[in-house]
């Protein structure tokens, strides 16, 4: 997966409240997430934590822009959220366990944040 920084979306995501009405759900994205053991309530709950925004996905290409964010949920599952924006709503495309490289990126981001706080 090839990614690029996207400060505009990072800012938007930083203000995103994660209320149920802020999401764009349909049967397609609910079914895809369930096969990974993730329900829509699990995805909504990710926004109660410090979601790590990684950037816009350049490759693989899709007709609609997609972004990647990483977070650990309340059950300590490390999840990768691929999403798109539809107006002011966030449409989850897929939420699945992090891949090895994503876990490293997530852990590095946590270390960086921790160093900033000290």
N, C-alpha and C. Protein backbone atom coordinates (compact mmCIF):
# COMPACT_ATOMS: atom_id res chain seq x y z
N UNK A 1 0.85 -1.17 0.00
CA UNK A 1 0.00 0.00 0.00
C UNK A 1 0.90 1.23 0.00
N UNK A 2 0.65 2.14 -0.90
CA UNK A 2 1.40 3.39 -0.98
C UNK A 2 0.53 4.52 -0.44
N UNK A 3 1.11 5.30 0.47
CA UNK A 3 0.36 6.36 1.16
C UNK A 3 1.04 7.71 0.99
N UNK A 4 0.26 8.77 1.18
CA UNK A 4 0.78 10.13 1.15
C UNK A 4 0.12 10.92 2.28
N UNK A 5 0.87 11.87 2.85
CA UNK A 5 0.30 12.74 3.89
C UNK A 5 -0.88 13.52 3.33
N UNK A 6 -1.85 13.78 4.18
CA UNK A 6 -3.02 14.56 3.78
C UNK A 6 -3.44 15.43 4.97
N UNK A 7 -2.79 16.59 5.14
CA UNK A 7 -3.08 17.45 6.30
C UNK A 7 -4.54 17.90 6.39
N UNK A 8 -5.18 18.13 5.26
CA UNK A 8 -6.58 18.58 5.28
C UNK A 8 -7.49 17.52 5.90
N UNK A 9 -7.30 16.27 5.48
CA UNK A 9 -8.13 15.19 6.04
C UNK A 9 -7.73 14.92 7.48
N UNK A 10 -6.45 15.05 7.81
CA UNK A 10 -6.02 14.88 9.19
C UNK A 10 -6.72 15.88 10.10
N UNK A 11 -6.83 17.11 9.64
CA UNK A 11 -7.53 18.15 10.42
C UNK A 11 -9.01 17.80 10.56
N UNK A 12 -9.63 17.40 9.44
CA UNK A 12 -11.05 17.02 9.47
C UNK A 12 -11.27 15.86 10.44
N UNK A 13 -10.39 14.87 10.38
CA UNK A 13 -10.53 13.71 11.24
C UNK A 13 -10.32 14.09 12.70
N UNK A 14 -9.45 15.06 12.96
CA UNK A 14 -9.21 15.52 14.33
C UNK A 14 -10.43 16.16 14.95
N UNK A 15 -11.34 16.66 14.11
CA UNK A 15 -12.57 17.29 14.60
C UNK A 15 -13.77 16.34 14.51
N UNK A 16 -13.54 15.17 13.95
CA UNK A 16 -14.62 14.20 13.76
C UNK A 16 -15.06 13.65 15.11
N UNK A 17 -16.35 13.70 15.39
CA UNK A 17 -16.84 13.31 16.71
C UNK A 17 -17.09 11.81 16.86
N UNK A 18 -17.34 11.13 15.76
CA UNK A 18 -17.56 9.69 15.83
C UNK A 18 -18.93 9.29 16.35
N UNK A 19 -19.89 10.21 16.28
CA UNK A 19 -21.26 9.84 16.67
C UNK A 19 -21.85 8.93 15.60
N UNK A 20 -22.80 8.12 15.96
CA UNK A 20 -23.39 7.15 15.03
C UNK A 20 -23.88 7.83 13.76
N UNK A 21 -24.45 9.02 13.88
CA UNK A 21 -24.99 9.71 12.70
C UNK A 21 -23.91 10.32 11.81
N UNK A 22 -22.64 10.26 12.24
CA UNK A 22 -21.53 10.79 11.45
C UNK A 22 -20.98 9.77 10.46
N UNK A 23 -21.53 8.57 10.47
CA UNK A 23 -21.04 7.49 9.61
C UNK A 23 -22.02 7.20 8.49
N UNK A 24 -21.48 6.76 7.37
CA UNK A 24 -22.27 6.32 6.22
C UNK A 24 -22.17 4.80 6.15
N UNK A 25 -23.23 4.13 6.59
CA UNK A 25 -23.24 2.66 6.61
C UNK A 25 -24.15 2.12 5.52
N UNK A 26 -23.77 0.99 4.97
CA UNK A 26 -24.64 0.25 4.08
C UNK A 26 -24.34 -1.23 4.27
N UNK A 27 -25.12 -2.07 3.61
CA UNK A 27 -24.95 -3.51 3.80
C UNK A 27 -23.55 -3.97 3.39
N UNK A 28 -22.99 -3.35 2.36
CA UNK A 28 -21.67 -3.74 1.87
C UNK A 28 -20.58 -3.58 2.90
N UNK A 29 -20.48 -2.39 3.50
CA UNK A 29 -19.39 -2.21 4.45
C UNK A 29 -19.65 -2.93 5.77
N UNK A 30 -20.89 -3.12 6.15
CA UNK A 30 -21.17 -3.87 7.38
C UNK A 30 -20.79 -5.34 7.21
N UNK A 31 -21.12 -5.91 6.05
CA UNK A 31 -20.81 -7.32 5.79
C UNK A 31 -19.30 -7.53 5.73
N UNK A 32 -18.60 -6.66 5.04
CA UNK A 32 -17.14 -6.79 4.89
C UNK A 32 -16.45 -6.73 6.25
N UNK A 33 -16.90 -5.83 7.12
CA UNK A 33 -16.27 -5.71 8.43
C UNK A 33 -16.59 -6.89 9.33
N UNK A 34 -17.78 -7.42 9.24
CA UNK A 34 -18.15 -8.58 10.06
C UNK A 34 -17.28 -9.79 9.76
N UNK A 35 -16.86 -9.94 8.52
CA UNK A 35 -16.01 -11.10 8.20
C UNK A 35 -14.66 -10.99 8.90
N UNK A 36 -14.29 -9.77 9.34
CA UNK A 36 -13.07 -9.57 10.12
C UNK A 36 -13.37 -9.54 11.62
N UNK A 37 -14.61 -9.83 12.00
CA UNK A 37 -14.99 -9.84 13.41
C UNK A 37 -15.19 -8.45 13.99
N UNK A 38 -15.50 -7.47 13.13
CA UNK A 38 -15.66 -6.09 13.56
C UNK A 38 -17.07 -5.61 13.22
N UNK A 39 -17.78 -5.14 14.22
CA UNK A 39 -19.13 -4.61 14.03
C UNK A 39 -19.05 -3.08 13.87
N UNK A 40 -20.14 -2.50 13.35
CA UNK A 40 -20.08 -1.05 13.15
C UNK A 40 -19.92 -0.30 14.48
N UNK A 41 -20.46 -0.82 15.56
CA UNK A 41 -20.28 -0.17 16.87
C UNK A 41 -18.80 -0.18 17.29
N UNK A 42 -18.07 -1.23 16.90
CA UNK A 42 -16.63 -1.28 17.20
C UNK A 42 -15.89 -0.16 16.47
N UNK A 43 -16.27 0.09 15.23
CA UNK A 43 -15.62 1.14 14.44
C UNK A 43 -15.96 2.51 15.02
N UNK A 44 -17.22 2.71 15.35
CA UNK A 44 -17.61 3.99 15.95
C UNK A 44 -16.85 4.24 17.24
N UNK A 45 -16.61 3.18 18.01
CA UNK A 45 -15.91 3.32 19.29
C UNK A 45 -14.44 3.68 19.11
N UNK A 46 -13.84 3.38 17.96
CA UNK A 46 -12.44 3.73 17.73
C UNK A 46 -12.18 5.22 17.90
N UNK A 47 -13.19 6.02 17.64
CA UNK A 47 -13.02 7.47 17.68
C UNK A 47 -13.08 8.02 19.09
N UNK A 48 -13.26 7.15 20.08
CA UNK A 48 -13.19 7.58 21.48
C UNK A 48 -11.74 7.57 21.96
N UNK A 49 -10.86 6.99 21.15
CA UNK A 49 -9.44 6.89 21.49
C UNK A 49 -8.65 7.83 20.59
N UNK A 50 -7.36 7.76 20.65
CA UNK A 50 -6.49 8.62 19.83
C UNK A 50 -6.16 7.91 18.53
N UNK A 51 -7.05 7.99 17.60
CA UNK A 51 -6.87 7.36 16.30
C UNK A 51 -5.61 7.91 15.64
N UNK A 52 -4.79 7.02 15.08
CA UNK A 52 -3.57 7.44 14.40
C UNK A 52 -3.87 7.49 12.90
N UNK A 53 -3.93 8.71 12.37
CA UNK A 53 -4.20 8.89 10.94
C UNK A 53 -2.89 8.70 10.19
N UNK A 54 -2.89 7.80 9.21
CA UNK A 54 -1.68 7.48 8.48
C UNK A 54 -1.57 8.26 7.18
N UNK A 55 -2.67 8.40 6.45
CA UNK A 55 -2.63 9.19 5.23
C UNK A 55 -3.59 8.68 4.17
N UNK A 56 -3.50 9.33 3.00
CA UNK A 56 -4.34 8.95 1.86
C UNK A 56 -3.68 7.81 1.11
N UNK A 57 -4.49 6.86 0.70
CA UNK A 57 -3.99 5.69 -0.03
C UNK A 57 -3.87 6.06 -1.51
N UNK A 58 -2.65 5.96 -2.03
CA UNK A 58 -2.40 6.20 -3.45
C UNK A 58 -2.50 4.92 -4.27
N UNK A 59 -1.95 3.85 -3.72
CA UNK A 59 -1.98 2.54 -4.38
C UNK A 59 -2.33 1.50 -3.34
N UNK A 60 -3.22 0.61 -3.63
CA UNK A 60 -3.90 0.44 -4.90
C UNK A 60 -4.89 1.58 -5.16
N UNK A 61 -5.12 1.86 -6.42
CA UNK A 61 -6.01 2.96 -6.79
C UNK A 61 -7.46 2.51 -6.77
N UNK A 62 -8.33 3.47 -6.48
CA UNK A 62 -9.78 3.24 -6.44
C UNK A 62 -10.46 4.46 -7.05
N UNK A 63 -11.68 4.29 -7.55
CA UNK A 63 -12.38 5.45 -8.12
C UNK A 63 -12.67 6.54 -7.09
N UNK A 64 -12.78 6.17 -5.84
CA UNK A 64 -13.07 7.11 -4.75
C UNK A 64 -11.85 7.17 -3.83
N UNK A 65 -11.45 8.37 -3.40
CA UNK A 65 -10.30 8.51 -2.50
C UNK A 65 -10.52 7.71 -1.23
N UNK A 66 -9.43 7.12 -0.74
CA UNK A 66 -9.48 6.34 0.50
C UNK A 66 -8.33 6.74 1.40
N UNK A 67 -8.55 6.59 2.71
CA UNK A 67 -7.56 6.93 3.71
C UNK A 67 -7.39 5.76 4.68
N UNK A 68 -6.28 5.79 5.42
CA UNK A 68 -5.98 4.73 6.39
C UNK A 68 -5.75 5.35 7.76
N UNK A 69 -6.38 4.76 8.77
CA UNK A 69 -6.16 5.14 10.17
C UNK A 69 -5.97 3.85 10.97
N UNK A 70 -5.21 3.95 12.05
CA UNK A 70 -4.91 2.79 12.89
C UNK A 70 -5.29 3.11 14.33
N UNK A 71 -5.77 2.09 15.04
CA UNK A 71 -6.13 2.29 16.44
C UNK A 71 -6.28 0.95 17.13
N UNK A 72 -6.09 0.98 18.43
CA UNK A 72 -6.35 -0.18 19.28
C UNK A 72 -7.69 0.03 19.93
N UNK A 73 -8.55 -0.98 19.86
CA UNK A 73 -9.88 -0.81 20.44
C UNK A 73 -9.92 -1.20 21.91
N UNK A 74 -11.08 -1.12 22.51
CA UNK A 74 -11.24 -1.39 23.94
C UNK A 74 -10.89 -2.83 24.30
N UNK A 75 -10.94 -3.72 23.32
CA UNK A 75 -10.60 -5.14 23.55
C UNK A 75 -9.13 -5.41 23.23
N UNK A 76 -8.35 -4.35 23.03
CA UNK A 76 -6.93 -4.43 22.70
C UNK A 76 -6.64 -5.02 21.33
N UNK A 77 -7.65 -5.01 20.46
CA UNK A 77 -7.40 -5.42 19.07
C UNK A 77 -6.83 -4.23 18.33
N UNK A 78 -5.76 -4.45 17.62
CA UNK A 78 -5.18 -3.38 16.80
C UNK A 78 -5.80 -3.46 15.41
N UNK A 79 -6.54 -2.40 15.08
CA UNK A 79 -7.33 -2.40 13.86
C UNK A 79 -6.87 -1.35 12.86
N UNK A 80 -6.98 -1.71 11.59
CA UNK A 80 -6.70 -0.79 10.48
C UNK A 80 -8.04 -0.43 9.86
N UNK A 81 -8.32 0.86 9.78
CA UNK A 81 -9.57 1.34 9.21
C UNK A 81 -9.28 2.04 7.88
N UNK A 82 -9.82 1.47 6.81
CA UNK A 82 -9.77 2.11 5.50
C UNK A 82 -11.12 2.78 5.32
N UNK A 83 -11.09 4.08 4.99
CA UNK A 83 -12.34 4.81 4.91
C UNK A 83 -12.31 5.82 3.77
N UNK A 84 -13.47 6.32 3.44
CA UNK A 84 -13.61 7.42 2.50
C UNK A 84 -14.50 8.47 3.14
N UNK A 85 -14.53 9.64 2.54
CA UNK A 85 -15.40 10.71 3.04
C UNK A 85 -16.53 10.91 2.05
N UNK A 86 -17.72 11.05 2.59
CA UNK A 86 -18.88 11.39 1.79
C UNK A 86 -19.50 12.63 2.43
N UNK A 87 -19.09 13.79 1.92
CA UNK A 87 -19.51 15.04 2.55
C UNK A 87 -18.88 15.12 3.92
N UNK A 88 -19.71 15.31 4.94
CA UNK A 88 -19.21 15.37 6.32
C UNK A 88 -19.25 14.02 7.01
N UNK A 89 -19.61 12.98 6.27
CA UNK A 89 -19.70 11.64 6.86
C UNK A 89 -18.49 10.81 6.51
N UNK A 90 -18.17 9.91 7.41
CA UNK A 90 -17.09 8.97 7.20
C UNK A 90 -17.72 7.64 6.80
N UNK A 91 -17.26 7.09 5.68
CA UNK A 91 -17.76 5.79 5.23
C UNK A 91 -16.66 4.76 5.39
N UNK A 92 -16.80 3.88 6.38
CA UNK A 92 -15.80 2.82 6.53
C UNK A 92 -15.87 1.87 5.33
N UNK A 93 -14.74 1.63 4.73
CA UNK A 93 -14.65 0.67 3.63
C UNK A 93 -14.35 -0.71 4.22
N UNK A 94 -13.34 -0.74 5.08
CA UNK A 94 -12.92 -1.99 5.69
C UNK A 94 -12.25 -1.70 7.02
N UNK A 95 -12.52 -2.53 7.99
CA UNK A 95 -11.83 -2.45 9.28
C UNK A 95 -11.41 -3.87 9.62
N UNK A 96 -10.11 -4.05 9.76
CA UNK A 96 -9.54 -5.39 9.92
C UNK A 96 -8.35 -5.32 10.86
N UNK A 97 -7.85 -6.47 11.30
CA UNK A 97 -6.63 -6.45 12.11
C UNK A 97 -5.48 -5.83 11.33
N UNK A 98 -4.63 -5.10 12.05
CA UNK A 98 -3.46 -4.48 11.41
C UNK A 98 -2.53 -5.55 10.86
N UNK A 99 -1.92 -5.22 9.74
CA UNK A 99 -0.87 -6.05 9.17
C UNK A 99 0.42 -5.73 9.91
N UNK A 100 1.42 -6.57 9.75
CA UNK A 100 2.69 -6.41 10.48
C UNK A 100 3.29 -5.01 10.28
N UNK A 101 3.37 -4.55 9.05
CA UNK A 101 3.94 -3.22 8.78
C UNK A 101 3.10 -2.12 9.43
N UNK A 102 1.78 -2.28 9.42
CA UNK A 102 0.89 -1.29 10.05
C UNK A 102 1.10 -1.27 11.56
N UNK A 103 1.33 -2.43 12.17
CA UNK A 103 1.60 -2.47 13.61
C UNK A 103 2.88 -1.70 13.94
N UNK A 104 3.90 -1.86 13.11
CA UNK A 104 5.15 -1.12 13.33
C UNK A 104 4.92 0.39 13.21
N UNK A 105 4.18 0.79 12.20
CA UNK A 105 3.88 2.21 12.00
C UNK A 105 3.11 2.75 13.21
N UNK A 106 2.13 1.98 13.67
CA UNK A 106 1.31 2.38 14.81
C UNK A 106 2.17 2.52 16.07
N UNK A 107 3.01 1.52 16.32
CA UNK A 107 3.86 1.56 17.50
C UNK A 107 4.84 2.73 17.45
N UNK A 108 5.40 3.00 16.26
CA UNK A 108 6.30 4.15 16.10
C UNK A 108 5.57 5.46 16.37
N UNK A 109 4.33 5.57 15.90
CA UNK A 109 3.53 6.78 16.13
C UNK A 109 3.25 6.96 17.61
N UNK A 110 2.97 5.88 18.31
CA UNK A 110 2.72 5.97 19.76
C UNK A 110 3.99 6.42 20.49
N UNK A 111 5.14 5.88 20.09
CA UNK A 111 6.41 6.28 20.72
C UNK A 111 6.69 7.76 20.46
N UNK A 112 6.43 8.21 19.24
CA UNK A 112 6.64 9.60 18.89
C UNK A 112 5.74 10.51 19.72
N UNK A 113 4.46 10.13 19.86
CA UNK A 113 3.54 10.93 20.67
C UNK A 113 3.97 10.96 22.13
N UNK A 114 4.43 9.83 22.62
CA UNK A 114 4.88 9.75 24.01
C UNK A 114 6.10 10.64 24.24
N UNK A 115 7.02 10.66 23.28
CA UNK A 115 8.22 11.50 23.39
C UNK A 115 7.85 12.98 23.37
N UNK A 116 6.83 13.35 22.60
CA UNK A 116 6.38 14.75 22.54
C UNK A 116 5.80 15.19 23.87
N UNK A 117 5.13 14.27 24.57
CA UNK A 117 4.48 14.61 25.84
C UNK A 117 5.48 14.79 26.96
N UNK A 118 6.67 14.20 26.82
CA UNK A 118 7.68 14.28 27.89
C UNK A 118 8.39 15.55 27.86
